[in-house]
Amino acid sequence: MDYLVFLIPLLPLIAAAIIGFGILFNRINGKKDEPISASVSKNAITLSCLIALGLLVTDLYGINPNYITLGKWLDSGNFVVELNFITTGFSVIAAALFSVILVIIARFSINYIHAESGFHRFFFVLCLFSSGMLLLILSGNAISTFIGWEIAGLCSYLLISFAYDRPTAAINATRVFVTNRIGDAGFILGIALSFYYAGTTNWLSLNEIAKDLPTPTATVISLCFVVAAIAKSAQLPFTPWLARAMEGPTPSSAVFYGAVMIHAGIFLVILLRPIIELAPLTMAVLVVIGFFTAVYSVIVGLTQTDTKSSLCFAISGQLGLMFLECGLGLWELASWHLCAHAMVRNYQVLTAPSLLRYVYGNPMKPVASAIADKRWLYIASLQRFWLDPIADRTLVKPIYGLGHDLDRFDKNIIDRAMGAPVSSNYTISSLTQLEKNMDKDIRDGIHIEFVRGSGIVGKFFEWIANIMSWFEDRLVLRGIGMDTVDIGRKLGQIANTFEQLILKPRYLVLFVFIVLMIAASI
């Protein structure tokens, strides 16, 4: 049965291609063609589920090898990426469980999304997500896992913005997408460091080689992957994105943030158990992050006034407990916790729209007195401890800023080097005007302070500029031009600009990664 493992992610991908090309060429359109999209999706995901269950049965009987290799995907020098799949252990259990949940979601969605304008689009994204998620679970190497990781993230964006004509949906989808890219940066860095220090990107090989790695190296590699896991599973400080992600339809909320994708982070941590156990610092990070996320989610969840918000904080709280269990070395408990939680949350999110009918006539419990009696705690809980604006300022805006800087670098440096014209919109008009005013003051004999520096570097260049200004005054008296002071002033301005840039959060994050890499190499 193990030789059919590649069909588990492939079948939903084929279904997505059929629906996608049908939409593209107008072969599938409108309410009359809904049965086509529904049957293609349901049949493909069901077949994938049956193969996954068969793989689980053969694994329980001890028939399967550790992994199966179908060939090489990339071979460049020492860098070899194989097309391989894990066929034993927790990966097979998770694949079987998630495929069953995906079948349930597919069948539930047929009636729930019926007559919606985005019916075909929904099932296209659902099939694509199923393929990416099952590839993530079963892939035997970090490269293929990352591809599945990114496919799942893209599908998440598409379904959060399912009602793209509503500004709130588009804004929330973009916010979630940008926040999760921070975790992706950690994943990519983890892949690079794994190949650099261990010479492999295969999960099983990396876990086997881990015992030969020094503790600092194992710590840096594991921390990179843990950052990716924390972002994907909505742990602090990334927790706010989960509430925004509930903007999509109920089936997408269930499959993404109740049962399947939200568990990708904790799955990655369990997959990397051997290397994480060799890094005490990483274990401590898991304990701290998991504990504080669980406490935060419990407090905030008690004061939420809508069903989906209450569920999303219940989900992040339970995931925090899973991270805590992994940090304490309770790996088996975390595995069982993941499976049980996925099933329960899938049911709860799917039945959320019917909650009012279930509780009609039953008195609702008031807010716990431990929170209601403390005004500051109650207000902080209602505001979700202001974590959303804090995360926006410290995590999202720096990413936007970094993208803006890269765009300016591309337009002003790369395009100019390639001979492309630079738009006049990017000229620094304010600085030019300032220089003109300063030159006028100098010609009028007015003594001005050319540079006001801050920090060691800024003060150093301020001192140099003042010396140059003094020297220029003597040169002017002797009839010599003003070129010398211009050099000092420009040096001071460059120093200030450089110092302001390196103090921005996005560049501080890059410096932290560089320091970690240097520490690992030492």
Protein backbone atom coordinates (compact mmCIF):
# COMPACT_ATOMS: atom_id res chain seq x y z
CA MET A 1 0.00 0.00 0.00
CA ASP A 2 2.93 2.32 0.64
CA TYR A 3 3.67 2.74 -3.08
CA LEU A 4 0.31 4.51 -3.49
CA VAL A 5 1.18 7.19 -0.94
CA PHE A 6 1.89 9.78 -3.64
CA LEU A 7 -1.77 9.58 -4.71
CA ILE A 8 -2.93 10.96 -1.35
CA PRO A 9 -1.90 14.57 -2.17
CA LEU A 10 -2.06 14.06 -5.94
CA LEU A 11 -5.76 13.19 -6.28
CA PRO A 12 -7.06 16.44 -4.68
CA LEU A 13 -4.56 18.37 -6.82
CA ILE A 14 -6.01 16.77 -9.97
CA ALA A 15 -9.51 17.66 -8.79
CA ALA A 16 -8.42 21.26 -8.21
CA ALA A 17 -6.95 21.37 -11.73
CA ILE A 18 -10.17 20.03 -13.27
CA ILE A 19 -12.32 22.59 -11.47
CA GLY A 20 -9.84 25.41 -12.07
CA PHE A 21 -9.58 24.84 -15.80
CA GLY A 22 -13.34 24.37 -15.99
CA ILE A 23 -13.82 27.81 -14.42
CA LEU A 24 -11.08 29.35 -16.56
CA PHE A 25 -12.52 28.12 -19.85
CA ASN A 26 -16.13 28.68 -18.73
CA ARG A 27 -16.96 24.97 -18.81
CA ILE A 28 -18.10 25.07 -15.18
CA ASN A 29 -20.27 28.01 -14.32
CA GLY A 30 -23.41 28.85 -12.37
CA LYS A 31 -25.83 26.82 -10.30
CA LYS A 32 -26.45 24.22 -13.01
CA ASP A 33 -22.83 22.99 -12.84
CA GLU A 34 -22.61 22.81 -9.04
CA PRO A 35 -22.98 18.98 -9.03
CA ILE A 36 -19.87 18.71 -11.22
CA SER A 37 -17.60 20.66 -8.86
CA ALA A 38 -19.14 18.95 -5.83
CA SER A 39 -18.77 15.41 -7.16
CA VAL A 40 -15.23 15.94 -8.46
CA SER A 41 -14.10 17.36 -5.12
CA LYS A 42 -15.92 14.82 -2.97
CA ASN A 43 -14.76 11.80 -4.98
CA ALA A 44 -11.12 12.91 -5.14
CA ILE A 45 -10.89 13.66 -1.42
CA THR A 46 -12.74 10.42 -0.56
CA LEU A 47 -10.33 8.31 -2.65
CA SER A 48 -7.40 10.10 -1.03
CA CYS A 49 -8.93 9.34 2.39
CA LEU A 50 -9.34 5.63 1.58
CA ILE A 51 -5.70 5.37 0.52
CA ALA A 52 -4.60 7.17 3.70
CA LEU A 53 -6.66 4.79 5.84
CA GLY A 54 -5.17 1.83 3.97
CA LEU A 55 -1.68 3.22 4.59
CA LEU A 56 -2.50 3.49 8.30
CA VAL A 57 -3.69 -0.13 8.45
CA THR A 58 -0.53 -1.43 6.78
CA ASP A 59 1.56 0.69 9.13
CA LEU A 60 -0.22 -0.77 12.16
CA TYR A 61 0.68 -4.24 10.88
CA GLY A 62 4.32 -3.15 10.50
CA ILE A 63 4.42 -3.65 6.74
CA ASN A 64 5.50 -0.16 5.67
CA PRO A 65 9.12 1.04 5.47
CA ASN A 66 10.05 4.31 7.16
CA TYR A 67 9.68 6.22 3.92
CA ILE A 68 9.43 5.64 0.20
CA THR A 69 11.44 7.50 -2.46
CA LEU A 70 9.94 7.99 -5.90
CA GLY A 71 12.92 9.77 -7.44
CA LYS A 72 14.95 12.97 -7.32
CA TRP A 73 13.22 16.29 -7.65
CA LEU A 74 16.39 18.42 -7.65
CA ASP A 75 20.06 17.44 -7.93
CA SER A 76 22.57 20.29 -7.93
CA GLY A 77 26.03 19.50 -6.59
CA ASN A 78 25.70 18.47 -2.96
CA PHE A 79 22.14 19.75 -2.79
CA VAL A 80 19.78 16.86 -3.49
CA VAL A 81 16.02 17.02 -2.95
CA GLU A 82 14.26 13.69 -3.24
CA LEU A 83 10.59 13.14 -3.92
CA ASN A 84 9.94 11.02 -0.86
CA PHE A 85 7.10 10.38 1.57
CA ILE A 86 6.93 9.22 5.18
CA THR A 87 4.93 5.99 5.49
CA THR A 88 5.13 5.27 9.22
CA GLY A 89 4.57 6.90 12.57
CA PHE A 90 2.57 9.95 13.54
CA SER A 91 2.59 11.40 10.01
CA VAL A 92 0.46 8.51 8.76
CA ILE A 93 -1.95 8.86 11.70
CA ALA A 94 -2.31 12.60 11.11
CA ALA A 95 -2.82 12.10 7.35
CA ALA A 96 -5.60 9.55 7.95
CA LEU A 97 -7.31 11.78 10.54
CA PHE A 98 -7.09 14.95 8.46
CA SER A 99 -8.28 13.20 5.31
CA VAL A 100 -11.39 11.96 7.16
CA ILE A 101 -12.06 15.50 8.36
CA LEU A 102 -11.60 16.83 4.82
CA VAL A 103 -14.21 14.36 3.54
CA ILE A 104 -16.64 15.57 6.21
CA ILE A 105 -15.98 19.21 5.29
CA ALA A 106 -16.45 18.50 1.57
CA ARG A 107 -19.81 16.81 2.10
CA PHE A 108 -20.96 19.49 4.56
CA SER A 109 -20.00 22.30 2.18
CA ILE A 110 -22.13 21.02 -0.73
CA ASN A 111 -25.34 22.17 0.94
CA TYR A 112 -23.83 25.02 2.97
CA ILE A 113 -22.28 26.84 -0.04
CA HIS A 114 -25.16 25.93 -2.37
CA ALA A 115 -26.26 28.79 -4.63
CA GLU A 116 -23.37 31.00 -3.53
CA SER A 117 -21.68 32.95 -6.31
CA GLY A 118 -18.31 31.51 -5.28
CA PHE A 119 -19.43 27.85 -5.10
CA HIS A 120 -16.98 26.56 -7.72
CA ARG A 121 -14.21 28.78 -6.42
CA PHE A 122 -14.71 27.39 -2.91
CA PHE A 123 -14.33 23.76 -4.00
CA PHE A 124 -11.33 24.62 -6.16
CA VAL A 125 -9.59 26.14 -3.12
CA LEU A 126 -10.74 23.27 -0.85
CA CYS A 127 -9.18 20.66 -3.18
CA LEU A 128 -5.99 22.69 -3.52
CA PHE A 129 -5.78 23.05 0.24
CA SER A 130 -6.36 19.31 0.75
CA SER A 131 -3.47 18.56 -1.60
CA GLY A 132 -1.13 21.04 0.08
CA MET A 133 -2.00 19.95 3.61
CA LEU A 134 -1.60 16.22 2.89
CA LEU A 135 1.72 16.96 1.15
CA LEU A 136 2.83 18.88 4.24
CA ILE A 137 1.94 15.95 6.51
CA LEU A 138 3.42 13.11 4.46
CA SER A 139 6.44 14.76 2.82
CA GLY A 140 9.78 13.26 3.78
CA ASN A 141 11.85 16.41 3.28
CA ALA A 142 11.69 20.04 4.36
CA ILE A 143 11.44 21.44 0.81
CA SER A 144 8.25 19.54 -0.08
CA THR A 145 6.84 20.26 3.36
CA PHE A 146 7.43 23.96 2.80
CA ILE A 147 5.65 23.79 -0.57
CA GLY A 148 2.61 22.25 1.13
CA TRP A 149 2.97 24.82 3.92
CA GLU A 150 2.78 27.67 1.40
CA ILE A 151 -0.08 26.15 -0.58
CA ALA A 152 -2.10 25.89 2.63
CA GLY A 153 -1.26 29.51 3.47
CA LEU A 154 -2.32 30.71 0.02
CA CYS A 155 -5.61 28.83 0.27
CA SER A 156 -6.16 30.35 3.69
CA TYR A 157 -5.85 33.83 2.16
CA LEU A 158 -8.25 32.96 -0.65
CA LEU A 159 -10.96 31.64 1.66
CA ILE A 160 -10.68 34.40 4.28
CA SER A 161 -11.28 36.82 1.41
CA PHE A 162 -14.04 34.60 -0.02
CA ALA A 163 -16.40 37.60 0.08
CA TYR A 164 -13.73 39.81 -1.51
CA ASP A 165 -16.24 42.57 -2.28
CA ARG A 166 -16.34 43.33 1.46
CA PRO A 167 -13.38 45.52 2.55
CA THR A 168 -13.19 43.82 5.96
CA ALA A 169 -12.65 40.40 4.39
CA ALA A 170 -9.85 41.67 2.13
CA ILE A 171 -8.14 43.55 4.99
CA ASN A 172 -8.30 40.58 7.36
CA ALA A 173 -7.04 38.19 4.69
CA THR A 174 -4.07 40.44 3.93
CA ARG A 175 -3.28 40.87 7.62
CA VAL A 176 -3.30 37.11 8.22
CA PHE A 177 -1.19 36.50 5.12
CA VAL A 178 1.46 39.06 6.10
CA THR A 179 1.63 37.83 9.71
CA ASN A 180 2.21 34.23 8.64
CA ARG A 181 5.02 35.26 6.33
CA ILE A 182 7.09 35.99 9.44
CA GLY A 183 6.87 32.33 10.32
CA ASP A 184 7.75 31.40 6.74
CA ALA A 185 11.00 33.34 7.07
CA GLY A 186 11.90 31.17 10.06
CA PHE A 187 11.04 28.03 8.09
CA ILE A 188 13.25 29.05 5.14
CA LEU A 189 16.13 29.91 7.45
CA GLY A 190 15.69 26.56 9.20
CA ILE A 191 15.92 24.75 5.85
CA ALA A 192 19.08 26.68 4.92
CA LEU A 193 20.77 26.00 8.27
CA SER A 194 19.78 22.31 8.13
CA PHE A 195 21.51 21.89 4.81
CA TYR A 196 24.52 23.99 5.85
CA TYR A 197 25.21 22.20 9.13
CA ALA A 198 23.66 18.76 8.61
CA GLY A 199 24.03 18.47 4.83
CA THR A 200 20.44 17.28 4.35
CA THR A 201 16.86 18.48 4.18
CA ASN A 202 15.28 15.04 4.73
CA TRP A 203 13.38 14.94 8.01
CA LEU A 204 14.43 11.43 8.98
CA SER A 205 18.09 12.05 8.11
CA LEU A 206 18.06 15.37 9.98
CA ASN A 207 16.63 13.73 13.09
CA GLU A 208 19.24 10.95 12.90
CA ILE A 209 22.13 13.39 12.45
CA ALA A 210 20.81 15.65 15.23
CA LYS A 211 22.60 13.70 17.97
CA ASP A 212 25.94 14.54 16.32
CA LEU A 213 25.25 18.28 16.16
CA PRO A 214 26.59 20.59 18.88
CA THR A 215 23.96 22.06 21.17
CA PRO A 216 24.20 25.66 19.81
CA THR A 217 23.68 24.44 16.24
CA ALA A 218 20.73 22.23 17.20
CA THR A 219 19.27 25.16 19.14
CA VAL A 220 19.47 27.61 16.23
CA ILE A 221 18.00 25.13 13.73
CA SER A 222 15.18 24.09 16.03
CA LEU A 223 14.37 27.68 17.01
CA CYS A 224 13.91 28.63 13.36
CA PHE A 225 11.37 25.86 12.84
CA VAL A 226 9.69 26.65 16.15
CA VAL A 227 9.18 30.28 15.05
CA ALA A 228 7.40 28.93 11.96
CA ALA A 229 5.31 26.59 14.12
CA ILE A 230 4.35 29.35 16.58
CA ALA A 231 3.16 31.63 13.78
CA LYS A 232 1.21 28.87 12.00
CA SER A 233 -0.52 27.68 15.18
CA ALA A 234 -1.40 31.22 16.37
CA GLN A 235 0.72 31.30 19.52
CA LEU A 236 1.83 34.50 21.20
CA PRO A 237 2.66 37.03 19.86
CA PHE A 238 0.89 35.88 16.66
CA THR A 239 -2.43 34.92 18.30
CA PRO A 240 -4.52 37.90 16.98
CA TRP A 241 -4.49 36.65 13.40
CA LEU A 242 -6.73 33.70 14.32
CA ALA A 243 -9.71 35.91 15.20
CA ARG A 244 -9.33 37.77 11.90
CA ALA A 245 -9.21 34.48 10.00
CA MET A 246 -12.75 33.59 11.11
CA GLU A 247 -13.99 36.03 8.46
CA GLY A 248 -14.40 33.21 5.92
CA PRO A 249 -17.35 30.81 5.53
CA THR A 250 -18.02 28.33 8.34
CA PRO A 251 -16.65 25.26 6.45
CA SER A 252 -13.38 27.09 5.75
CA SER A 253 -13.15 28.17 9.40
CA ALA A 254 -13.61 24.56 10.45
CA VAL A 255 -11.08 23.05 8.06
CA PHE A 256 -8.45 25.76 8.42
CA TYR A 257 -8.66 27.03 11.98
CA GLY A 258 -10.61 24.37 13.83
CA ALA A 259 -9.35 21.01 12.66
CA VAL A 260 -6.54 20.91 10.11
CA MET A 261 -4.24 23.80 9.20
CA ILE A 262 -4.07 25.35 12.66
CA HIS A 263 -2.43 22.11 13.86
CA ALA A 264 0.34 22.27 11.24
CA GLY A 265 2.64 24.12 13.64
CA ILE A 266 2.35 21.65 16.50
CA PHE A 267 2.69 18.80 13.97
CA LEU A 268 6.01 20.29 12.81
CA VAL A 269 7.23 20.45 16.41
CA ILE A 270 6.31 16.79 17.00
CA LEU A 271 7.99 15.82 13.71
CA LEU A 272 11.25 17.47 14.86
CA ARG A 273 11.18 15.89 18.32
CA PRO A 274 14.75 14.41 18.19
CA ILE A 275 16.48 17.70 17.36
CA ILE A 276 14.29 19.77 19.70
CA GLU A 277 15.08 17.46 22.63
CA LEU A 278 18.77 18.28 22.14
CA ALA A 279 18.09 22.01 22.56
CA PRO A 280 17.15 22.94 26.17
CA LEU A 281 16.59 26.57 25.16
CA THR A 282 14.06 25.54 22.51
CA MET A 283 12.24 23.33 25.02
CA ALA A 284 12.08 26.29 27.40
CA VAL A 285 10.71 28.53 24.65
CA LEU A 286 7.96 25.99 23.96
CA VAL A 287 7.03 25.92 27.65
CA VAL A 288 6.93 29.71 28.02
CA ILE A 289 5.07 30.38 24.77
CA GLY A 290 2.57 27.58 25.36
CA PHE A 291 1.87 28.56 28.96
CA PHE A 292 1.32 32.26 28.30
CA THR A 293 -0.77 31.58 25.19
CA ALA A 294 -3.03 29.25 27.19
CA VAL A 295 -3.46 31.79 30.01
CA TYR A 296 -4.05 34.65 27.59
CA SER A 297 -6.60 32.67 25.58
CA VAL A 298 -8.56 31.58 28.66
CA ILE A 299 -8.83 35.13 30.05
CA VAL A 300 -9.77 36.72 26.72
CA GLY A 301 -12.11 33.90 25.72
CA LEU A 302 -14.25 34.39 28.83
CA THR A 303 -15.37 37.86 27.73
CA GLN A 304 -16.04 37.29 24.02
CA THR A 305 -19.57 38.04 22.85
CA ASP A 306 -19.77 35.95 19.66
CA THR A 307 -19.44 32.23 19.05
CA LYS A 308 -16.57 32.25 16.56
CA SER A 309 -14.40 34.52 18.72
CA SER A 310 -14.98 32.31 21.75
CA LEU A 311 -14.07 29.24 19.72
CA CYS A 312 -10.92 30.79 18.24
CA PHE A 313 -9.53 31.61 21.70
CA ALA A 314 -10.50 28.15 22.94
CA ILE A 315 -8.55 26.72 19.99
CA SER A 316 -5.43 28.84 20.61
CA GLY A 317 -5.59 27.97 24.32
CA GLN A 318 -5.61 24.23 23.64
CA LEU A 319 -2.80 24.61 21.13
CA GLY A 320 -0.85 26.47 23.81
CA LEU A 321 -1.27 23.46 26.08
CA MET A 322 0.08 21.22 23.29
CA PHE A 323 3.19 23.40 22.95
CA LEU A 324 3.56 23.29 26.74
CA GLU A 325 3.31 19.49 26.69
CA CYS A 326 6.01 19.27 24.01
CA GLY A 327 8.26 21.60 25.98
CA LEU A 328 7.84 19.40 29.05
CA GLY A 329 8.72 16.29 27.03
CA LEU A 330 5.17 14.85 27.02
CA TRP A 331 5.28 14.09 23.31
CA GLU A 332 2.79 11.19 23.28
CA LEU A 333 0.27 13.26 25.22
CA ALA A 334 0.68 16.13 22.76
CA SER A 335 0.08 13.75 19.83
CA TRP A 336 -3.13 12.35 21.30
CA HIS A 337 -4.19 15.84 22.33
CA LEU A 338 -3.78 17.05 18.74
CA CYS A 339 -5.93 14.24 17.32
CA ALA A 340 -8.71 14.62 19.88
CA HIS A 341 -8.73 18.40 19.60
CA ALA A 342 -8.98 18.30 15.79
CA MET A 343 -12.10 16.11 15.94
CA VAL A 344 -13.84 18.12 18.67
CA ARG A 345 -13.13 21.53 17.15
CA ASN A 346 -14.22 20.39 13.72
CA TYR A 347 -17.64 19.49 15.15
CA GLN A 348 -17.90 22.67 17.21
CA VAL A 349 -17.06 25.06 14.38
CA LEU A 350 -19.36 23.31 11.92
CA THR A 351 -22.26 23.53 14.36
CA ALA A 352 -21.51 27.12 15.44
CA PRO A 353 -24.25 28.65 13.22
CA SER A 354 -26.82 26.43 15.00
CA LEU A 355 -25.64 27.27 18.50
CA LEU A 356 -28.46 29.71 19.25
CA ARG A 357 -31.04 27.02 18.45
CA TYR A 358 -29.28 24.55 20.73
CA VAL A 359 -29.15 26.88 23.72
CA TYR A 360 -32.58 28.51 23.25
CA GLY A 361 -34.41 28.62 26.57
CA ASN A 362 -31.28 27.82 28.61
CA PRO A 363 -29.84 30.62 30.77
CA MET A 364 -26.38 31.79 29.70
CA LYS A 365 -23.62 31.80 32.30
CA PRO A 366 -22.32 35.25 33.28
CA VAL A 367 -18.68 36.24 33.06
CA ALA A 368 -16.57 34.60 35.76
CA SER A 369 -16.44 36.71 38.91
CA ALA A 370 -12.64 36.44 38.96
CA ILE A 371 -12.64 38.69 35.88
CA ALA A 372 -15.85 40.69 36.33
CA ASP A 373 -14.80 41.91 39.81
CA LYS A 374 -11.51 43.29 38.50
CA ARG A 375 -12.29 46.23 36.25
CA TRP A 376 -8.81 46.55 34.74
CA LEU A 377 -8.68 42.83 33.91
CA TYR A 378 -12.18 42.86 32.46
CA ILE A 379 -11.40 45.84 30.21
CA ALA A 380 -8.06 44.34 29.17
CA SER A 381 -9.81 41.07 28.33
CA LEU A 382 -12.44 42.85 26.24
CA GLN A 383 -9.64 44.63 24.38
CA ARG A 384 -7.75 41.33 24.05
CA PHE A 385 -4.89 42.93 25.96
CA TRP A 386 -4.34 45.27 23.01
CA LEU A 387 -2.25 42.55 21.40
CA ASP A 388 -3.72 43.21 17.96
CA PRO A 389 -2.44 46.81 17.62
CA ILE A 390 0.85 45.82 19.30
CA ALA A 391 1.35 43.00 16.82
CA ASP A 392 0.36 45.32 14.00
CA ARG A 393 3.01 47.84 14.98
CA THR A 394 5.81 45.43 15.84
CA LEU A 395 5.26 42.61 13.34
CA VAL A 396 3.07 43.60 10.41
CA LYS A 397 4.18 47.18 9.77
CA PRO A 398 7.90 46.26 9.78
CA ILE A 399 7.16 43.65 7.10
CA TYR A 400 5.29 46.24 5.06
CA GLY A 401 8.20 48.63 5.59
CA LEU A 402 10.76 46.05 4.55
CA GLY A 403 8.77 45.38 1.39
CA HIS A 404 8.63 49.12 0.71
CA ASP A 405 12.40 49.39 1.20
CA LEU A 406 13.03 46.49 -1.17
CA ASP A 407 10.72 48.10 -3.73
CA ARG A 408 12.62 51.39 -3.49
CA PHE A 409 15.94 49.54 -3.73
CA ASP A 410 14.70 47.77 -6.85
CA LYS A 411 13.52 50.99 -8.49
CA ASN A 412 16.43 53.23 -7.50
CA ILE A 413 19.38 50.80 -7.59
CA ILE A 414 18.55 47.70 -9.64
CA ASP A 415 16.55 49.50 -12.33
CA ARG A 416 19.19 52.22 -12.61
CA ALA A 417 21.98 49.64 -12.87
CA MET A 418 20.02 47.89 -15.64
CA GLY A 419 19.54 51.20 -17.47
CA ALA A 420 15.84 51.65 -16.69
CA PRO A 421 14.74 55.24 -16.00
CA VAL A 422 13.97 56.17 -12.40
CA SER A 423 10.66 57.89 -11.77
CA SER A 424 10.84 61.46 -10.59
CA ASN A 425 8.37 60.57 -7.84
CA TYR A 426 11.23 59.01 -5.91
CA THR A 427 13.36 62.12 -5.73
CA ILE A 428 13.94 63.47 -2.25
CA SER A 429 12.47 66.90 -2.77
CA SER A 430 12.39 67.82 0.90
CA LEU A 431 16.10 67.11 1.36
CA THR A 432 16.93 69.09 -1.77
CA GLN A 433 14.94 72.05 -0.54
CA LEU A 434 16.66 71.83 2.85
CA GLU A 435 20.10 71.89 1.23
CA LYS A 436 19.12 74.94 -0.85
CA ASN A 437 17.99 76.80 2.28
CA MET A 438 21.21 75.92 4.09
CA ASP A 439 23.33 77.11 1.17
CA LYS A 440 21.42 80.41 1.17
CA ASP A 441 22.04 80.88 4.90
CA ILE A 442 25.74 80.24 4.41
CA ARG A 443 25.94 82.78 1.57
CA ASP A 444 24.22 85.33 3.83
CA GLY A 445 26.85 84.75 6.51
CA ILE A 446 24.47 83.07 8.95
CA HIS A 447 26.12 80.41 11.11
CA ILE A 448 24.00 77.27 11.21
CA GLU A 449 24.27 73.83 12.73
CA PHE A 450 24.73 71.58 9.75
CA VAL A 451 24.11 68.21 11.42
CA ARG A 452 22.32 67.15 14.56
CA GLY A 453 23.45 63.59 15.30
CA SER A 454 22.14 60.99 17.70
CA GLY A 455 24.02 58.02 19.06
CA ILE A 456 27.74 57.33 18.85
CA VAL A 457 27.96 57.27 15.07
CA GLY A 458 25.78 60.34 14.65
CA LYS A 459 27.71 62.37 17.24
CA PHE A 460 31.00 61.38 15.62
CA PHE A 461 29.91 62.68 12.24
CA GLU A 462 28.34 65.75 13.86
CA TRP A 463 31.75 66.56 15.34
CA ILE A 464 33.38 66.07 11.94
CA ALA A 465 30.79 68.29 10.28
CA ASN A 466 31.31 71.06 12.82
CA ILE A 467 35.06 70.94 12.23
CA MET A 468 34.45 71.14 8.51
CA SER A 469 32.08 74.07 9.06
CA TRP A 470 34.72 75.93 11.08
CA PHE A 471 37.32 75.19 8.43
CA GLU A 472 34.97 76.37 5.69
CA ASP A 473 34.42 79.72 7.39
CA ARG A 474 38.16 80.36 7.17
CA LEU A 475 38.28 79.18 3.58
CA VAL A 476 35.36 81.43 2.62
CA LEU A 477 37.19 84.41 4.11
CA ARG A 478 40.12 83.56 1.88
CA GLY A 479 37.91 83.35 -1.17
CA ILE A 480 37.91 79.59 -1.51
CA GLY A 481 34.58 77.81 -2.30
CA MET A 482 32.18 75.86 -0.09
CA ASP A 483 32.81 72.34 -1.37
CA THR A 484 34.56 71.10 1.78
CA VAL A 485 31.64 71.68 4.14
CA ASP A 486 29.26 70.06 1.69
CA ILE A 487 31.21 66.83 2.10
CA GLY A 488 30.98 66.99 5.88
CA ARG A 489 27.29 67.79 5.81
CA LYS A 490 26.54 64.91 3.44
CA LEU A 491 28.58 62.50 5.57
CA GLY A 492 26.59 63.52 8.63
CA GLN A 493 23.29 63.11 6.80
CA ILE A 494 24.31 59.67 5.55
CA ALA A 495 25.30 58.64 9.08
CA ASN A 496 21.97 59.76 10.52
CA THR A 497 20.03 57.99 7.79
CA PHE A 498 22.02 54.77 8.32
CA GLU A 499 21.54 54.88 12.08
CA GLN A 500 17.79 55.45 11.78
CA LEU A 501 17.51 52.50 9.42
CA ILE A 502 19.38 50.02 11.63
CA LEU A 503 17.18 50.95 14.58
CA LYS A 504 14.00 49.92 12.75
CA PRO A 505 12.48 46.60 13.95
CA ARG A 506 12.72 44.90 10.57
CA TYR A 507 16.48 45.35 10.45
CA LEU A 508 16.94 44.48 14.11
CA VAL A 509 15.24 41.15 13.36
CA LEU A 510 17.72 40.53 10.53
CA PHE A 511 20.62 41.33 12.85
CA VAL A 512 19.27 38.89 15.46
CA PHE A 513 19.23 36.11 12.86
CA ILE A 514 22.78 36.99 11.80
CA VAL A 515 23.98 36.88 15.42
CA LEU A 516 22.31 33.49 15.91
CA MET A 517 24.04 32.14 12.81
CA ILE A 518 27.42 33.44 14.02
CA ALA A 519 26.84 31.91 17.46
CA ALA A 520 25.99 28.56 15.90
CA SER A 521 29.14 28.59 13.77
CA ILE A 522 31.28 29.32 16.84
